[in-house]
PDB file of N, CA and C in Angstrom:
ATOM      1  N   MET A   1     -16.839   2.985  -7.551  1.00  0.00           N
ATOM      2  CA  MET A   1     -17.493   4.137  -8.118  1.00  0.00           C
ATOM      3  C   MET A   1     -16.616   4.784  -9.186  1.00  0.00           C
ATOM      4  N   THR A   2     -15.311   4.781  -8.979  1.00  0.00           N
ATOM      5  CA  THR A   2     -14.407   5.378  -9.966  1.00  0.00           C
ATOM      6  C   THR A   2     -14.425   4.603 -11.274  1.00  0.00           C
ATOM      7  N   VAL A   3     -14.456   3.277 -11.184  1.00  0.00           N
ATOM      8  CA  VAL A   3     -14.512   2.461 -12.398  1.00  0.00           C
ATOM      9  C   VAL A   3     -15.806   2.737 -13.153  1.00  0.00           C
ATOM     10  N   CYS A   4     -16.892   2.896 -12.430  1.00  0.00           N
ATOM     11  CA  CYS A   4     -18.180   3.211 -13.059  1.00  0.00           C
ATOM     12  C   CYS A   4     -18.119   4.568 -13.761  1.00  0.00           C
ATOM     13  N   ALA A   5     -17.507   5.538 -13.121  1.00  0.00           N
ATOM     14  CA  ALA A   5     -17.376   6.865 -13.727  1.00  0.00           C
ATOM     15  C   ALA A   5     -16.498   6.811 -14.971  1.00  0.00           C
ATOM     16  N   CYS A   6     -15.424   6.024 -14.925  1.00  0.00           N
ATOM     17  CA  CYS A   6     -14.568   5.868 -16.103  1.00  0.00           C
ATOM     18  C   CYS A   6     -15.308   5.166 -17.239  1.00  0.00           C
ATOM     19  N   TYR A   7     -16.082   4.162 -16.880  1.00  0.00           N
ATOM     20  CA  TYR A   7     -16.833   3.416 -17.888  1.00  0.00           C
ATOM     21  C   TYR A   7     -17.865   4.302 -18.578  1.00  0.00           C
ATOM     22  N   VAL A   8     -18.516   5.162 -17.805  1.00  0.00           N
ATOM     23  CA  VAL A   8     -19.542   6.043 -18.370  1.00  0.00           C
ATOM     24  C   VAL A   8     -18.919   7.193 -19.158  1.00  0.00           C
ATOM     25  N   SER A   9     -17.778   7.710 -18.717  1.00  0.00           N
ATOM     26  CA  SER A   9     -17.197   8.886 -19.366  1.00  0.00           C
ATOM     27  C   SER A   9     -16.316   8.559 -20.567  1.00  0.00           C
ATOM     28  N   THR A  10     -15.927   7.316 -20.755  1.00  0.00           N
ATOM     29  CA  THR A  10     -15.054   6.959 -21.873  1.00  0.00           C
ATOM     30  C   THR A  10     -15.624   7.352 -23.229  1.00  0.00           C
ATOM     31  N   PRO A  11     -16.915   7.130 -23.535  1.00  0.00           N
ATOM     32  CA  PRO A  11     -17.431   7.548 -24.851  1.00  0.00           C
ATOM     33  C   PRO A  11     -17.435   9.066 -25.064  1.00  0.00           C
ATOM     34  N   PHE A  12     -17.400   9.827 -23.982  1.00  0.00           N
ATOM     35  CA  PHE A  12     -17.377  11.276 -24.119  1.00  0.00           C
ATOM     36  C   PHE A  12     -15.969  11.811 -24.358  1.00  0.00           C
ATOM     37  N   ILE A  13     -14.953  11.036 -24.002  1.00  0.00           N
ATOM     38  CA  ILE A  13     -13.564  11.476 -24.140  1.00  0.00           C
ATOM     39  C   ILE A  13     -12.942  10.963 -25.434  1.00  0.00           C
ATOM     40  N   PHE A  14     -13.198   9.701 -25.782  1.00  0.00           N
ATOM     41  CA  PHE A  14     -12.589   9.079 -26.950  1.00  0.00           C
ATOM     42  C   PHE A  14     -13.618   8.932 -28.063  1.00  0.00           C
ATOM     43  N   PRO A  15     -13.165   8.856 -29.320  1.00  0.00           N
ATOM     44  CA  PRO A  15     -14.104   8.599 -30.416  1.00  0.00           C
ATOM     45  C   PRO A  15     -14.813   7.257 -30.209  1.00  0.00           C
ATOM     46  N   LEU A  16     -16.046   7.164 -30.674  1.00  0.00           N
ATOM     47  CA  LEU A  16     -16.848   5.967 -30.429  1.00  0.00           C
ATOM     48  C   LEU A  16     -16.223   4.706 -31.000  1.00  0.00           C
ATOM     49  N   ARG A  17     -15.490   4.815 -32.079  1.00  0.00           N
ATOM     50  CA  ARG A  17     -14.863   3.637 -32.685  1.00  0.00           C
ATOM     51  C   ARG A  17     -13.724   3.083 -31.833  1.00  0.00           C
ATOM     52  N   LEU A  18     -13.162   3.914 -30.970  1.00  0.00           N
ATOM     53  CA  LEU A  18     -12.013   3.496 -30.173  1.00  0.00           C
ATOM     54  C   LEU A  18     -12.325   3.338 -28.688  1.00  0.00           C
ATOM     55  N   CYS A  19     -13.581   3.432 -28.307  1.00  0.00           N
ATOM     56  CA  CYS A  19     -13.941   3.383 -26.878  1.00  0.00           C
ATOM     57  C   CYS A  19     -13.522   2.078 -26.217  1.00  0.00           C
ATOM     58  N   GLY A  20     -13.827   0.968 -26.837  1.00  0.00           N
ATOM     59  CA  GLY A  20     -13.498  -0.326 -26.244  1.00  0.00           C
ATOM     60  C   GLY A  20     -11.997  -0.528 -26.125  1.00  0.00           C
ATOM     61  N   THR A  21     -11.261  -0.121 -27.156  1.00  0.00           N
ATOM     62  CA  THR A  21      -9.815  -0.242 -27.125  1.00  0.00           C
ATOM     63  C   THR A  21      -9.209   0.661 -26.056  1.00  0.00           C
ATOM     64  N   ALA A  22      -9.679   1.896 -25.982  1.00  0.00           N
ATOM     65  CA  ALA A  22      -9.156   2.839 -24.991  1.00  0.00           C
ATOM     66  C   ALA A  22      -9.446   2.353 -23.577  1.00  0.00           C
ATOM     67  N   PHE A  23     -10.647   1.870 -23.347  1.00  0.00           N
ATOM     68  CA  PHE A  23     -10.991   1.380 -22.009  1.00  0.00           C
ATOM     69  C   PHE A  23     -10.173   0.137 -21.670  1.00  0.00           C
ATOM     70  N   GLY A  24      -9.945  -0.724 -22.631  1.00  0.00           N
ATOM     71  CA  GLY A  24      -9.140  -1.918 -22.396  1.00  0.00           C
ATOM     72  C   GLY A  24      -7.692  -1.593 -22.078  1.00  0.00           C
ATOM     73  N   ILE A  25      -7.116  -0.631 -22.784  1.00  0.00           N
ATOM     74  CA  ILE A  25      -5.734  -0.236 -22.517  1.00  0.00           C
ATOM     75  C   ILE A  25      -5.618   0.395 -21.139  1.00  0.00           C
ATOM     76  N   CYS A  26      -6.566   1.269 -20.800  1.00  0.00           N
ATOM     77  CA  CYS A  26      -6.565   1.883 -19.468  1.00  0.00           C
ATOM     78  C   CYS A  26      -6.731   0.827 -18.381  1.00  0.00           C
ATOM     79  N   ASN A  27      -7.578  -0.156 -18.617  1.00  0.00           N
ATOM     80  CA  ASN A  27      -7.790  -1.238 -17.660  1.00  0.00           C
ATOM     81  C   ASN A  27      -6.522  -2.079 -17.497  1.00  0.00           C
ATOM     82  N   LEU A  28      -5.818  -2.331 -18.592  1.00  0.00           N
ATOM     83  CA  LEU A  28      -4.575  -3.084 -18.542  1.00  0.00           C
ATOM     84  C   LEU A  28      -3.536  -2.371 -17.686  1.00  0.00           C
ATOM     85  N   PHE A  29      -3.348  -1.076 -17.917  1.00  0.00           N
ATOM     86  CA  PHE A  29      -2.395  -0.310 -17.125  1.00  0.00           C
ATOM     87  C   PHE A  29      -2.813  -0.242 -15.659  1.00  0.00           C
ATOM     88  N   ALA A  30      -4.098  -0.078 -15.401  1.00  0.00           N
ATOM     89  CA  ALA A  30      -4.581   0.006 -14.016  1.00  0.00           C
ATOM     90  C   ALA A  30      -4.330  -1.296 -13.271  1.00  0.00           C
ATOM     91  N   ARG A  31      -4.564  -2.420 -13.920  1.00  0.00           N
ATOM     92  CA  ARG A  31      -4.323  -3.710 -13.258  1.00  0.00           C
ATOM     93  C   ARG A  31      -2.840  -3.947 -13.012  1.00  0.00           C
ATOM     94  N   PHE A  32      -2.007  -3.552 -13.961  1.00  0.00           N
ATOM     95  CA  PHE A  32      -0.567  -3.710 -13.783  1.00  0.00           C
ATOM     96  C   PHE A  32      -0.066  -2.865 -12.609  1.00  0.00           C
ATOM     97  N   ILE A  33      -0.521  -1.631 -12.513  1.00  0.00           N
ATOM     98  CA  ILE A  33      -0.112  -0.757 -11.411  1.00  0.00           C
ATOM     99  C   ILE A  33      -0.650  -1.292 -10.083  1.00  0.00           C
ATOM    100  N   ALA A  34      -1.875  -1.812 -10.082  1.00  0.00           N
ATOM    101  CA  ALA A  34      -2.446  -2.358  -8.847  1.00  0.00           C
ATOM    102  C   ALA A  34      -1.677  -3.588  -8.377  1.00  0.00           C
ATOM    103  N   ILE A  35      -1.211  -4.405  -9.303  1.00  0.00           N
ATOM    104  CA  ILE A  35      -0.431  -5.583  -8.943  1.00  0.00           C
ATOM    105  C   ILE A  35       0.943  -5.178  -8.408  1.00  0.00           C
ATOM    106  N   SER A  36       1.549  -4.149  -8.993  1.00  0.00           N
ATOM    107  CA  SER A  36       2.888  -3.747  -8.570  1.00  0.00           C
ATOM    108  C   SER A  36       2.896  -2.812  -7.359  1.00  0.00           C
ATOM    109  N   ALA A  37       1.751  -2.319  -6.918  1.00  0.00           N
ATOM    110  CA  ALA A  37       1.692  -1.364  -5.804  1.00  0.00           C
ATOM    111  C   ALA A  37       2.292  -1.900  -4.503  1.00  0.00           C
ATOM    112  N   PRO A  38       2.010  -3.136  -4.079  1.00  0.00           N
ATOM    113  CA  PRO A  38       2.634  -3.609  -2.835  1.00  0.00           C
ATOM    114  C   PRO A  38       4.160  -3.688  -2.908  1.00  0.00           C
ATOM    115  N   TYR A  39       4.685  -4.026  -4.082  1.00  0.00           N
ATOM    116  CA  TYR A  39       6.129  -4.100  -4.240  1.00  0.00           C
ATOM    117  C   TYR A  39       6.757  -2.708  -4.209  1.00  0.00           C
ATOM    118  N   ILE A  40       6.100  -1.743  -4.818  1.00  0.00           N
ATOM    119  CA  ILE A  40       6.599  -0.370  -4.815  1.00  0.00           C
ATOM    120  C   ILE A  40       6.532   0.216  -3.407  1.00  0.00           C
ATOM    121  N   ALA A  41       5.509  -0.125  -2.651  1.00  0.00           N
ATOM    122  CA  ALA A  41       5.361   0.403  -1.294  1.00  0.00           C
ATOM    123  C   ALA A  41       6.452  -0.107  -0.357  1.00  0.00           C
ATOM    124  N   GLU A  42       7.044  -1.242  -0.656  1.00  0.00           N
ATOM    125  CA  GLU A  42       8.088  -1.806   0.190  1.00  0.00           C
ATOM    126  C   GLU A  42       9.470  -1.230  -0.091  1.00  0.00           C
ATOM    127  N   LEU A  43       9.604  -0.385  -1.108  1.00  0.00           N
ATOM    128  CA  LEU A  43      10.908   0.193  -1.419  1.00  0.00           C
ATOM    129  C   LEU A  43      11.270   1.266  -0.394  1.00  0.00           C
ATOM    130  N   THR A  44      12.507   1.740  -0.454  1.00  0.00           N
ATOM    131  CA  THR A  44      12.947   2.764   0.496  1.00  0.00           C
ATOM    132  C   THR A  44      12.159   4.052   0.312  1.00  0.00           C
ATOM    133  N   VAL A  45      12.206   4.915   1.283  1.00  0.00           N
ATOM    134  CA  VAL A  45      11.285   6.048   1.423  1.00  0.00           C
ATOM    135  C   VAL A  45      11.159   6.965   0.202  1.00  0.00           C
ATOM    136  N   PRO A  46      12.180   7.491  -0.428  1.00  0.00           N
ATOM    137  CA  PRO A  46      11.886   8.450  -1.504  1.00  0.00           C
ATOM    138  C   PRO A  46      11.420   7.816  -2.814  1.00  0.00           C
ATOM    139  N   VAL A  47      11.669   6.535  -3.001  1.00  0.00           N
ATOM    140  CA  VAL A  47      11.374   5.896  -4.285  1.00  0.00           C
ATOM    141  C   VAL A  47       9.872   5.796  -4.570  1.00  0.00           C
ATOM    142  N   PRO A  48       9.004   5.362  -3.649  1.00  0.00           N
ATOM    143  CA  PRO A  48       7.582   5.277  -3.976  1.00  0.00           C
ATOM    144  C   PRO A  48       6.958   6.629  -4.358  1.00  0.00           C
ATOM    145  N   MET A  49       7.334   7.681  -3.645  1.00  0.00           N
ATOM    146  CA  MET A  49       6.783   8.996  -3.973  1.00  0.00           C
ATOM    147  C   MET A  49       7.331   9.507  -5.296  1.00  0.00           C
ATOM    148  N   SER A  50       8.559   9.169  -5.619  1.00  0.00           N
ATOM    149  CA  SER A  50       9.133   9.559  -6.908  1.00  0.00           C
ATOM    150  C   SER A  50       8.411   8.853  -8.048  1.00  0.00           C
ATOM    151  N   ILE A  51       8.153   7.573  -7.885  1.00  0.00           N
ATOM    152  CA  ILE A  51       7.418   6.826  -8.910  1.00  0.00           C
ATOM    153  C   ILE A  51       6.015   7.395  -9.070  1.00  0.00           C
ATOM    154  N   PHE A  52       5.353   7.684  -7.968  1.00  0.00           N
ATOM    155  CA  PHE A  52       4.020   8.275  -8.018  1.00  0.00           C
ATOM    156  C   PHE A  52       4.041   9.620  -8.735  1.00  0.00           C
ATOM    157  N   SER A  53       5.011  10.459  -8.410  1.00  0.00           N
ATOM    158  CA  SER A  53       5.097  11.786  -9.028  1.00  0.00           C
ATOM    159  C   SER A  53       5.356  11.694 -10.527  1.00  0.00           C
ATOM    160  N   ILE A  54       6.219  10.778 -10.932  1.00  0.00           N
ATOM    161  CA  ILE A  54       6.510  10.605 -12.354  1.00  0.00           C
ATOM    162  C   ILE A  54       5.270  10.121 -13.100  1.00  0.00           C
ATOM    163  N   LEU A  55       4.538   9.173 -12.527  1.00  0.00           N
ATOM    164  CA  LEU A  55       3.323   8.673 -13.176  1.00  0.00           C
ATOM    165  C   LEU A  55       2.251   9.750 -13.269  1.00  0.00           C
ATOM    166  N   VAL A  56       2.144  10.606 -12.250  1.00  0.00           N
ATOM    167  CA  VAL A  56       1.179  11.707 -12.297  1.00  0.00           C
ATOM    168  C   VAL A  56       1.554  12.694 -13.393  1.00  0.00           C
ATOM    169  N   LEU A  57       2.831  13.043 -13.504  1.00  0.00           N
ATOM    170  CA  LEU A  57       3.254  13.975 -14.546  1.00  0.00           C
ATOM    171  C   LEU A  57       3.026  13.404 -15.947  1.00  0.00           C
ATOM    172  N   ILE A  58       3.287  12.114 -16.112  1.00  0.00           N
ATOM    173  CA  ILE A  58       3.037  11.476 -17.412  1.00  0.00           C
ATOM    174  C   ILE A  58       1.550  11.506 -17.740  1.00  0.00           C
ATOM    175  N   SER A  59       0.700  11.205 -16.759  1.00  0.00           N
ATOM    176  CA  SER A  59      -0.737  11.190 -17.032  1.00  0.00           C
ATOM    177  C   SER A  59      -1.278  12.584 -17.316  1.00  0.00           C
ATOM    178  N   VAL A  60      -0.758  13.604 -16.647  1.00  0.00           N
ATOM    179  CA  VAL A  60      -1.182  14.983 -16.939  1.00  0.00           C
ATOM    180  C   VAL A  60      -0.745  15.370 -18.345  1.00  0.00           C
ATOM    181  N   PHE A  61       0.465  15.008 -18.716  1.00  0.00           N
ATOM    182  CA  PHE A  61       0.961  15.327 -20.051  1.00  0.00           C
ATOM    183  C   PHE A  61       0.134  14.632 -21.136  1.00  0.00           C
ATOM    184  N   VAL A  62      -0.204  13.364 -20.927  1.00  0.00           N
ATOM    185  CA  VAL A  62      -1.016  12.630 -21.898  1.00  0.00           C
ATOM    186  C   VAL A  62      -2.437  13.193 -21.951  1.00  0.00           C
ATOM    187  N   ALA A  63      -2.978  13.590 -20.806  1.00  0.00           N
ATOM    188  CA  ALA A  63      -4.344  14.113 -20.761  1.00  0.00           C
ATOM    189  C   ALA A  63      -4.476  15.432 -21.519  1.00  0.00           C
ATOM    190  N   LEU A  64      -3.393  16.158 -21.679  1.00  0.00           N
ATOM    191  CA  LEU A  64      -3.450  17.412 -22.430  1.00  0.00           C
ATOM    192  C   LEU A  64      -3.769  17.181 -23.903  1.00  0.00           C
ATOM    193  N   PHE A  65      -3.426  16.001 -24.415  1.00  0.00           N
ATOM    194  CA  PHE A  65      -3.621  15.711 -25.836  1.00  0.00           C
ATOM    195  C   PHE A  65      -4.928  14.975 -26.137  1.00  0.00           C
ATOM    196  N   VAL A  66      -5.691  14.642 -25.123  1.00  0.00           N
ATOM    197  CA  VAL A  66      -6.985  13.984 -25.338  1.00  0.00           C
ATOM    198  C   VAL A  66      -8.021  15.086 -25.590  1.00  0.00           C
ATOM    199  N   SER A  67      -8.660  14.990 -26.719  1.00  0.00           N
ATOM    200  CA  SER A  67      -9.650  16.008 -27.057  1.00  0.00           C
ATOM    201  C   SER A  67     -11.056  15.436 -26.925  1.00  0.00           C
ATOM    202  N   LYS A  68     -12.030  16.307 -26.898  1.00  0.00           N
ATOM    203  CA  LYS A  68     -13.421  15.895 -26.779  1.00  0.00           C
ATOM    204  C   LYS A  68     -13.846  15.166 -28.053  1.00  0.00           C
ATOM    205  N   SER A  69     -14.600  14.090 -27.879  1.00  0.00           N
ATOM    206  CA  SER A  69     -15.049  13.278 -28.996  1.00  0.00           C
ATOM    207  C   SER A  69     -16.038  14.038 -29.876  1.00  0.00           C
ATOM    208  N   GLU A  70     -15.899  13.880 -31.162  1.00  0.00           N
ATOM    209  CA  GLU A  70     -16.834  14.470 -32.125  1.00  0.00           C
ATOM    210  C   GLU A  70     -17.798  13.379 -32.575  1.00  0.00           C
ATOM    211  N   ASN A  71     -18.968  13.314 -31.991  1.00  0.00           N
ATOM    212  CA  ASN A  71     -19.940  12.262 -32.323  1.00  0.00           C
ATOM    213  C   ASN A  71     -20.628  12.584 -33.594  1.00  0.00           C
TER     214      ASN A  71
END
């Protein structure tokens, strides 16, 4: 359901000319993180939560600069 919501909302967030590229880049990062998740989960206790927290802060910071698409 989340992938469907991302697929539907991408044209509303990014300019129409860049929708396919933006969705592809997001998909690339999502697959890379999904592949590395089991390896990160096996690390010692504070490291997985630190990695998660850093990725959340980066995504919040990047999301601040995404503006509404002007169709």
